[in-house]
Amino acid sequence: MSWLPMLCLTALPHLGGYGSYLVWKECGGFTEDAVEPLGLYALQLALNWAWTPIFFGAHKLKMALIKIVMLTGAVGATMAPWYPVNRTTSLLLTPYLAWLCLATSLNYCIWRENPDEDGKEE
């Protein structure tokens, strides 16, 4: 089980990055055809970046849960327009989506089991 975090930190971002390159290449660069698929990819990158400081830095567990649910949805939404461009690109995000489902359930359990200082949940 100790290989799983290392996989998530190394392989999964590279799969998405390579997929975005393939989409960019198939769409002919930053063209009108690339706006939706690459825009959704940029959205999920921003949500991914925002989750870590919210969860680990600010300890805002409920806000982190909201962000990771949004991130999971954004990855699914990214896969949809990627599929017609290049089937492989969409499939490259499948392991990341699976990891996010696990991470979302963990975030939920941590939030549920850790009420704030007033004894209320965030």
N, C-alpha and C. Protein backbone atom coordinates (compact mmCIF):
# COMPACT_ATOMS: atom_id res chain seq x y z
N MET A 1 0.82 -1.20 0.00
CA MET A 1 0.00 0.00 0.00
C MET A 1 0.86 1.26 0.00
N SER A 2 2.11 1.17 0.38
CA SER A 2 2.95 2.37 0.45
C SER A 2 3.29 2.93 -0.92
N TRP A 3 3.09 2.18 -1.99
CA TRP A 3 3.36 2.67 -3.33
C TRP A 3 2.26 3.59 -3.84
N LEU A 4 1.07 3.51 -3.27
CA LEU A 4 -0.06 4.29 -3.76
C LEU A 4 0.16 5.80 -3.67
N PRO A 5 0.61 6.33 -2.52
CA PRO A 5 0.84 7.79 -2.48
C PRO A 5 1.92 8.23 -3.48
N MET A 6 2.96 7.42 -3.64
CA MET A 6 4.01 7.78 -4.58
C MET A 6 3.48 7.79 -6.01
N LEU A 7 2.62 6.83 -6.33
CA LEU A 7 2.00 6.80 -7.66
C LEU A 7 1.19 8.07 -7.89
N CYS A 8 0.43 8.46 -6.89
CA CYS A 8 -0.43 9.64 -7.02
C CYS A 8 0.38 10.91 -7.17
N LEU A 9 1.52 10.99 -6.51
CA LEU A 9 2.34 12.19 -6.58
C LEU A 9 3.16 12.27 -7.87
N THR A 10 3.39 11.14 -8.51
CA THR A 10 4.26 11.16 -9.68
C THR A 10 3.51 10.82 -10.98
N ALA A 11 2.95 9.66 -11.08
CA ALA A 11 2.38 9.20 -12.34
C ALA A 11 1.09 9.91 -12.74
N LEU A 12 0.19 10.12 -11.80
CA LEU A 12 -1.11 10.68 -12.17
C LEU A 12 -1.03 12.08 -12.77
N PRO A 13 -0.24 13.00 -12.20
CA PRO A 13 -0.13 14.31 -12.87
C PRO A 13 0.50 14.22 -14.26
N HIS A 14 1.42 13.30 -14.44
CA HIS A 14 2.05 13.14 -15.75
C HIS A 14 1.06 12.60 -16.78
N LEU A 15 0.19 11.71 -16.36
CA LEU A 15 -0.83 11.19 -17.28
C LEU A 15 -1.73 12.31 -17.77
N GLY A 16 -2.18 13.16 -16.85
CA GLY A 16 -3.03 14.29 -17.23
C GLY A 16 -2.29 15.28 -18.10
N GLY A 17 -1.05 15.55 -17.75
CA GLY A 17 -0.24 16.48 -18.54
C GLY A 17 -0.02 15.98 -19.96
N TYR A 18 0.28 14.70 -20.08
CA TYR A 18 0.47 14.12 -21.41
C TYR A 18 -0.84 14.14 -22.19
N GLY A 19 -1.94 13.84 -21.50
CA GLY A 19 -3.25 13.90 -22.16
C GLY A 19 -3.56 15.29 -22.66
N SER A 20 -3.25 16.31 -21.84
CA SER A 20 -3.53 17.69 -22.28
C SER A 20 -2.66 18.06 -23.48
N TYR A 21 -1.43 17.55 -23.51
CA TYR A 21 -0.57 17.79 -24.67
C TYR A 21 -1.18 17.16 -25.92
N LEU A 22 -1.68 15.94 -25.80
CA LEU A 22 -2.29 15.27 -26.96
C LEU A 22 -3.52 16.02 -27.44
N VAL A 23 -4.33 16.52 -26.51
CA VAL A 23 -5.51 17.30 -26.89
C VAL A 23 -5.07 18.58 -27.59
N TRP A 24 -4.09 19.26 -27.02
CA TRP A 24 -3.56 20.49 -27.61
C TRP A 24 -3.06 20.22 -29.04
N LYS A 25 -2.34 19.13 -29.20
CA LYS A 25 -1.78 18.77 -30.51
C LYS A 25 -2.89 18.43 -31.51
N GLU A 26 -3.86 17.62 -31.08
CA GLU A 26 -4.97 17.22 -31.97
C GLU A 26 -5.84 18.41 -32.37
N CYS A 27 -5.98 19.39 -31.48
CA CYS A 27 -6.81 20.57 -31.77
C CYS A 27 -6.05 21.64 -32.54
N GLY A 28 -4.78 21.40 -32.80
CA GLY A 28 -3.99 22.37 -33.55
C GLY A 28 -3.47 23.51 -32.71
N GLY A 29 -3.20 23.26 -31.45
CA GLY A 29 -2.71 24.31 -30.56
C GLY A 29 -3.85 24.97 -29.81
N PHE A 30 -3.64 26.23 -29.46
CA PHE A 30 -4.65 26.97 -28.71
C PHE A 30 -5.64 27.61 -29.69
N THR A 31 -6.49 26.75 -30.24
CA THR A 31 -7.49 27.19 -31.21
C THR A 31 -8.85 27.23 -30.54
N GLU A 32 -9.85 27.63 -31.31
CA GLU A 32 -11.22 27.67 -30.77
C GLU A 32 -11.68 26.27 -30.37
N ASP A 33 -11.25 25.26 -31.10
CA ASP A 33 -11.62 23.87 -30.77
C ASP A 33 -11.03 23.43 -29.43
N ALA A 34 -9.95 24.04 -29.01
CA ALA A 34 -9.27 23.63 -27.79
C ALA A 34 -9.76 24.35 -26.55
N VAL A 35 -10.59 25.38 -26.72
CA VAL A 35 -11.01 26.19 -25.57
C VAL A 35 -11.71 25.35 -24.50
N GLU A 36 -12.72 24.58 -24.88
CA GLU A 36 -13.47 23.80 -23.89
C GLU A 36 -12.61 22.70 -23.25
N PRO A 37 -11.98 21.81 -24.04
CA PRO A 37 -11.22 20.74 -23.39
C PRO A 37 -10.05 21.23 -22.55
N LEU A 38 -9.32 22.22 -23.04
CA LEU A 38 -8.17 22.70 -22.27
C LEU A 38 -8.60 23.65 -21.16
N GLY A 39 -9.71 24.35 -21.35
CA GLY A 39 -10.25 25.20 -20.28
C GLY A 39 -10.70 24.38 -19.09
N LEU A 40 -11.38 23.27 -19.35
CA LEU A 40 -11.79 22.37 -18.26
C LEU A 40 -10.58 21.76 -17.57
N TYR A 41 -9.55 21.45 -18.34
CA TYR A 41 -8.32 20.92 -17.75
C TYR A 41 -7.68 21.97 -16.83
N ALA A 42 -7.66 23.22 -17.28
CA ALA A 42 -7.11 24.30 -16.45
C ALA A 42 -7.93 24.47 -15.17
N LEU A 43 -9.24 24.34 -15.27
CA LEU A 43 -10.10 24.44 -14.08
C LEU A 43 -9.77 23.36 -13.07
N GLN A 44 -9.62 22.13 -13.54
CA GLN A 44 -9.33 21.05 -12.58
C GLN A 44 -7.92 21.18 -12.01
N LEU A 45 -6.99 21.74 -12.77
CA LEU A 45 -5.66 22.00 -12.20
C LEU A 45 -5.74 23.03 -11.09
N ALA A 46 -6.53 24.09 -11.30
CA ALA A 46 -6.69 25.13 -10.27
C ALA A 46 -7.36 24.57 -9.02
N LEU A 47 -8.39 23.75 -9.20
CA LEU A 47 -9.06 23.14 -8.04
C LEU A 47 -8.11 22.19 -7.31
N ASN A 48 -7.31 21.45 -8.05
CA ASN A 48 -6.34 20.55 -7.45
C ASN A 48 -5.33 21.34 -6.62
N TRP A 49 -4.84 22.43 -7.19
CA TRP A 49 -3.87 23.27 -6.49
C TRP A 49 -4.48 23.86 -5.22
N ALA A 50 -5.75 24.26 -5.27
CA ALA A 50 -6.39 24.92 -4.13
C ALA A 50 -6.69 23.96 -2.98
N TRP A 51 -6.89 22.69 -3.25
CA TRP A 51 -7.30 21.76 -2.20
C TRP A 51 -6.24 21.61 -1.11
N THR A 52 -4.99 21.45 -1.47
CA THR A 52 -3.94 21.16 -0.50
C THR A 52 -3.80 22.23 0.59
N PRO A 53 -3.68 23.52 0.25
CA PRO A 53 -3.57 24.51 1.33
C PRO A 53 -4.84 24.64 2.17
N ILE A 54 -5.99 24.37 1.57
CA ILE A 54 -7.23 24.44 2.34
C ILE A 54 -7.30 23.30 3.34
N PHE A 55 -6.97 22.09 2.90
CA PHE A 55 -7.06 20.92 3.78
C PHE A 55 -5.93 20.89 4.80
N PHE A 56 -4.69 20.96 4.33
CA PHE A 56 -3.54 20.81 5.22
C PHE A 56 -3.14 22.11 5.91
N GLY A 57 -3.23 23.23 5.19
CA GLY A 57 -2.78 24.50 5.76
C GLY A 57 -3.81 25.15 6.66
N ALA A 58 -5.00 25.39 6.12
CA ALA A 58 -6.04 26.09 6.87
C ALA A 58 -6.89 25.16 7.73
N HIS A 59 -6.79 23.86 7.50
CA HIS A 59 -7.58 22.86 8.24
C HIS A 59 -9.09 23.14 8.11
N LYS A 60 -9.50 23.60 6.96
CA LYS A 60 -10.91 23.83 6.67
C LYS A 60 -11.44 22.59 5.97
N LEU A 61 -11.83 21.61 6.77
CA LEU A 61 -12.17 20.30 6.24
C LEU A 61 -13.41 20.31 5.36
N LYS A 62 -14.43 21.08 5.77
CA LYS A 62 -15.64 21.14 4.96
C LYS A 62 -15.37 21.84 3.63
N MET A 63 -14.62 22.93 3.67
CA MET A 63 -14.28 23.64 2.43
C MET A 63 -13.44 22.75 1.52
N ALA A 64 -12.51 21.99 2.11
CA ALA A 64 -11.69 21.07 1.32
C ALA A 64 -12.56 19.99 0.69
N LEU A 65 -13.56 19.52 1.44
CA LEU A 65 -14.48 18.51 0.89
C LEU A 65 -15.25 19.09 -0.30
N ILE A 66 -15.72 20.31 -0.17
CA ILE A 66 -16.42 20.95 -1.28
C ILE A 66 -15.50 21.07 -2.49
N LYS A 67 -14.26 21.48 -2.25
CA LYS A 67 -13.29 21.64 -3.36
C LYS A 67 -12.99 20.31 -4.03
N ILE A 68 -12.83 19.25 -3.24
CA ILE A 68 -12.47 17.97 -3.86
C ILE A 68 -13.66 17.36 -4.61
N VAL A 69 -14.87 17.62 -4.14
CA VAL A 69 -16.05 17.18 -4.89
C VAL A 69 -16.12 17.94 -6.22
N MET A 70 -15.85 19.25 -6.17
CA MET A 70 -15.81 20.04 -7.40
C MET A 70 -14.70 19.54 -8.33
N LEU A 71 -13.54 19.21 -7.75
CA LEU A 71 -12.42 18.70 -8.53
C LEU A 71 -12.77 17.39 -9.21
N THR A 72 -13.40 16.49 -8.49
CA THR A 72 -13.80 15.21 -9.06
C THR A 72 -14.76 15.42 -10.23
N GLY A 73 -15.72 16.32 -10.04
CA GLY A 73 -16.64 16.66 -11.12
C GLY A 73 -15.93 17.29 -12.32
N ALA A 74 -14.96 18.15 -12.02
CA ALA A 74 -14.22 18.82 -13.10
C ALA A 74 -13.39 17.83 -13.91
N VAL A 75 -12.83 16.83 -13.24
CA VAL A 75 -12.06 15.82 -13.97
C VAL A 75 -13.00 15.00 -14.86
N GLY A 76 -14.16 14.63 -14.33
CA GLY A 76 -15.15 13.94 -15.16
C GLY A 76 -15.60 14.80 -16.33
N ALA A 77 -15.81 16.09 -16.06
CA ALA A 77 -16.21 17.02 -17.12
C ALA A 77 -15.09 17.22 -18.14
N THR A 78 -13.85 17.11 -17.72
CA THR A 78 -12.72 17.23 -18.64
C THR A 78 -12.65 16.01 -19.55
N MET A 79 -12.94 14.85 -19.01
CA MET A 79 -12.86 13.62 -19.79
C MET A 79 -13.87 13.61 -20.95
N ALA A 80 -15.03 14.23 -20.75
CA ALA A 80 -16.09 14.19 -21.78
C ALA A 80 -15.66 14.84 -23.09
N PRO A 81 -15.16 16.09 -23.10
CA PRO A 81 -14.75 16.66 -24.39
C PRO A 81 -13.42 16.11 -24.90
N TRP A 82 -12.63 15.50 -24.02
CA TRP A 82 -11.37 14.90 -24.48
C TRP A 82 -11.64 13.64 -25.30
N TYR A 83 -12.67 12.90 -24.97
CA TYR A 83 -12.94 11.61 -25.61
C TYR A 83 -13.10 11.72 -27.13
N PRO A 84 -13.90 12.67 -27.64
CA PRO A 84 -14.02 12.76 -29.10
C PRO A 84 -12.74 13.24 -29.79
N VAL A 85 -11.92 14.00 -29.08
CA VAL A 85 -10.67 14.50 -29.66
C VAL A 85 -9.68 13.35 -29.82
N ASN A 86 -9.53 12.56 -28.76
CA ASN A 86 -8.59 11.45 -28.76
C ASN A 86 -8.99 10.54 -27.60
N ARG A 87 -9.47 9.37 -27.91
CA ARG A 87 -9.98 8.45 -26.87
C ARG A 87 -8.94 8.19 -25.79
N THR A 88 -7.69 8.04 -26.18
CA THR A 88 -6.61 7.75 -25.23
C THR A 88 -6.49 8.85 -24.18
N THR A 89 -6.66 10.11 -24.58
CA THR A 89 -6.51 11.20 -23.63
C THR A 89 -7.52 11.10 -22.50
N SER A 90 -8.73 10.75 -22.85
CA SER A 90 -9.77 10.60 -21.83
C SER A 90 -9.45 9.43 -20.90
N LEU A 91 -8.97 8.34 -21.46
CA LEU A 91 -8.63 7.17 -20.66
C LEU A 91 -7.44 7.43 -19.74
N LEU A 92 -6.57 8.35 -20.13
CA LEU A 92 -5.43 8.69 -19.27
C LEU A 92 -5.85 9.32 -17.96
N LEU A 93 -7.03 9.94 -17.93
CA LEU A 93 -7.51 10.56 -16.70
C LEU A 93 -8.28 9.58 -15.81
N THR A 94 -8.56 8.39 -16.29
CA THR A 94 -9.33 7.41 -15.52
C THR A 94 -8.68 7.05 -14.18
N PRO A 95 -7.37 6.77 -14.12
CA PRO A 95 -6.77 6.47 -12.81
C PRO A 95 -6.85 7.66 -11.84
N TYR A 96 -6.73 8.87 -12.37
CA TYR A 96 -6.83 10.07 -11.54
C TYR A 96 -8.24 10.20 -10.98
N LEU A 97 -9.24 9.94 -11.80
CA LEU A 97 -10.62 10.00 -11.33
C LEU A 97 -10.87 8.95 -10.25
N ALA A 98 -10.33 7.76 -10.43
CA ALA A 98 -10.46 6.72 -9.41
C ALA A 98 -9.79 7.15 -8.10
N TRP A 99 -8.60 7.72 -8.19
CA TRP A 99 -7.90 8.20 -7.00
C TRP A 99 -8.72 9.30 -6.31
N LEU A 100 -9.30 10.19 -7.09
CA LEU A 100 -10.10 11.27 -6.51
C LEU A 100 -11.34 10.73 -5.79
N CYS A 101 -11.93 9.67 -6.30
CA CYS A 101 -13.07 9.07 -5.61
C CYS A 101 -12.64 8.55 -4.23
N LEU A 102 -11.49 7.92 -4.16
CA LEU A 102 -10.96 7.46 -2.88
C LEU A 102 -10.63 8.64 -1.98
N ALA A 103 -9.92 9.64 -2.52
CA ALA A 103 -9.53 10.80 -1.73
C ALA A 103 -10.74 11.58 -1.23
N THR A 104 -11.79 11.66 -2.04
CA THR A 104 -13.01 12.34 -1.63
C THR A 104 -13.66 11.62 -0.46
N SER A 105 -13.71 10.30 -0.52
CA SER A 105 -14.30 9.55 0.60
C SER A 105 -13.46 9.70 1.87
N LEU A 106 -12.14 9.74 1.73
CA LEU A 106 -11.28 9.97 2.89
C LEU A 106 -11.49 11.36 3.47
N ASN A 107 -11.57 12.36 2.60
CA ASN A 107 -11.81 13.73 3.05
C ASN A 107 -13.14 13.81 3.79
N TYR A 108 -14.16 13.15 3.26
CA TYR A 108 -15.46 13.14 3.93
C TYR A 108 -15.37 12.50 5.31
N CYS A 109 -14.72 11.37 5.41
CA CYS A 109 -14.60 10.69 6.72
C CYS A 109 -13.82 11.54 7.72
N ILE A 110 -12.78 12.19 7.28
CA ILE A 110 -12.00 13.05 8.17
C ILE A 110 -12.84 14.23 8.63
N TRP A 111 -13.60 14.83 7.72
CA TRP A 111 -14.47 15.95 8.08
C TRP A 111 -15.55 15.51 9.07
N ARG A 112 -16.16 14.36 8.81
CA ARG A 112 -17.23 13.84 9.67
C ARG A 112 -16.74 13.54 11.07
N GLU A 113 -15.51 13.03 11.19
CA GLU A 113 -14.98 12.62 12.49
C GLU A 113 -14.27 13.73 13.25
N ASN A 114 -14.14 14.91 12.67
CA ASN A 114 -13.41 16.00 13.32
C ASN A 114 -14.23 17.27 13.34
N PRO A 115 -15.12 17.40 14.33
CA PRO A 115 -15.90 18.65 14.42
C PRO A 115 -14.97 19.80 14.80
N ASP A 116 -15.44 21.02 14.54
CA ASP A 116 -14.61 22.19 14.88
C ASP A 116 -14.57 22.40 16.40
N GLU A 117 -13.93 23.46 16.86
CA GLU A 117 -13.70 23.70 18.29
C GLU A 117 -14.97 23.87 19.08
N ASP A 118 -16.05 24.34 18.47
CA ASP A 118 -17.30 24.58 19.17
C ASP A 118 -18.13 23.32 19.31
N GLY A 119 -17.64 22.20 18.80
CA GLY A 119 -18.38 20.95 18.85
C GLY A 119 -19.34 20.81 17.69
N LYS A 120 -19.39 21.80 16.82
CA LYS A 120 -20.24 21.73 15.64
C LYS A 120 -19.36 21.38 14.44
N GLU A 121 -19.99 20.78 13.45
CA GLU A 121 -19.23 20.53 12.23
C GLU A 121 -19.12 21.84 11.48
N GLU A 122 -18.04 21.99 10.70
CA GLU A 122 -17.79 23.23 9.96
C GLU A 122 -18.96 23.62 9.10
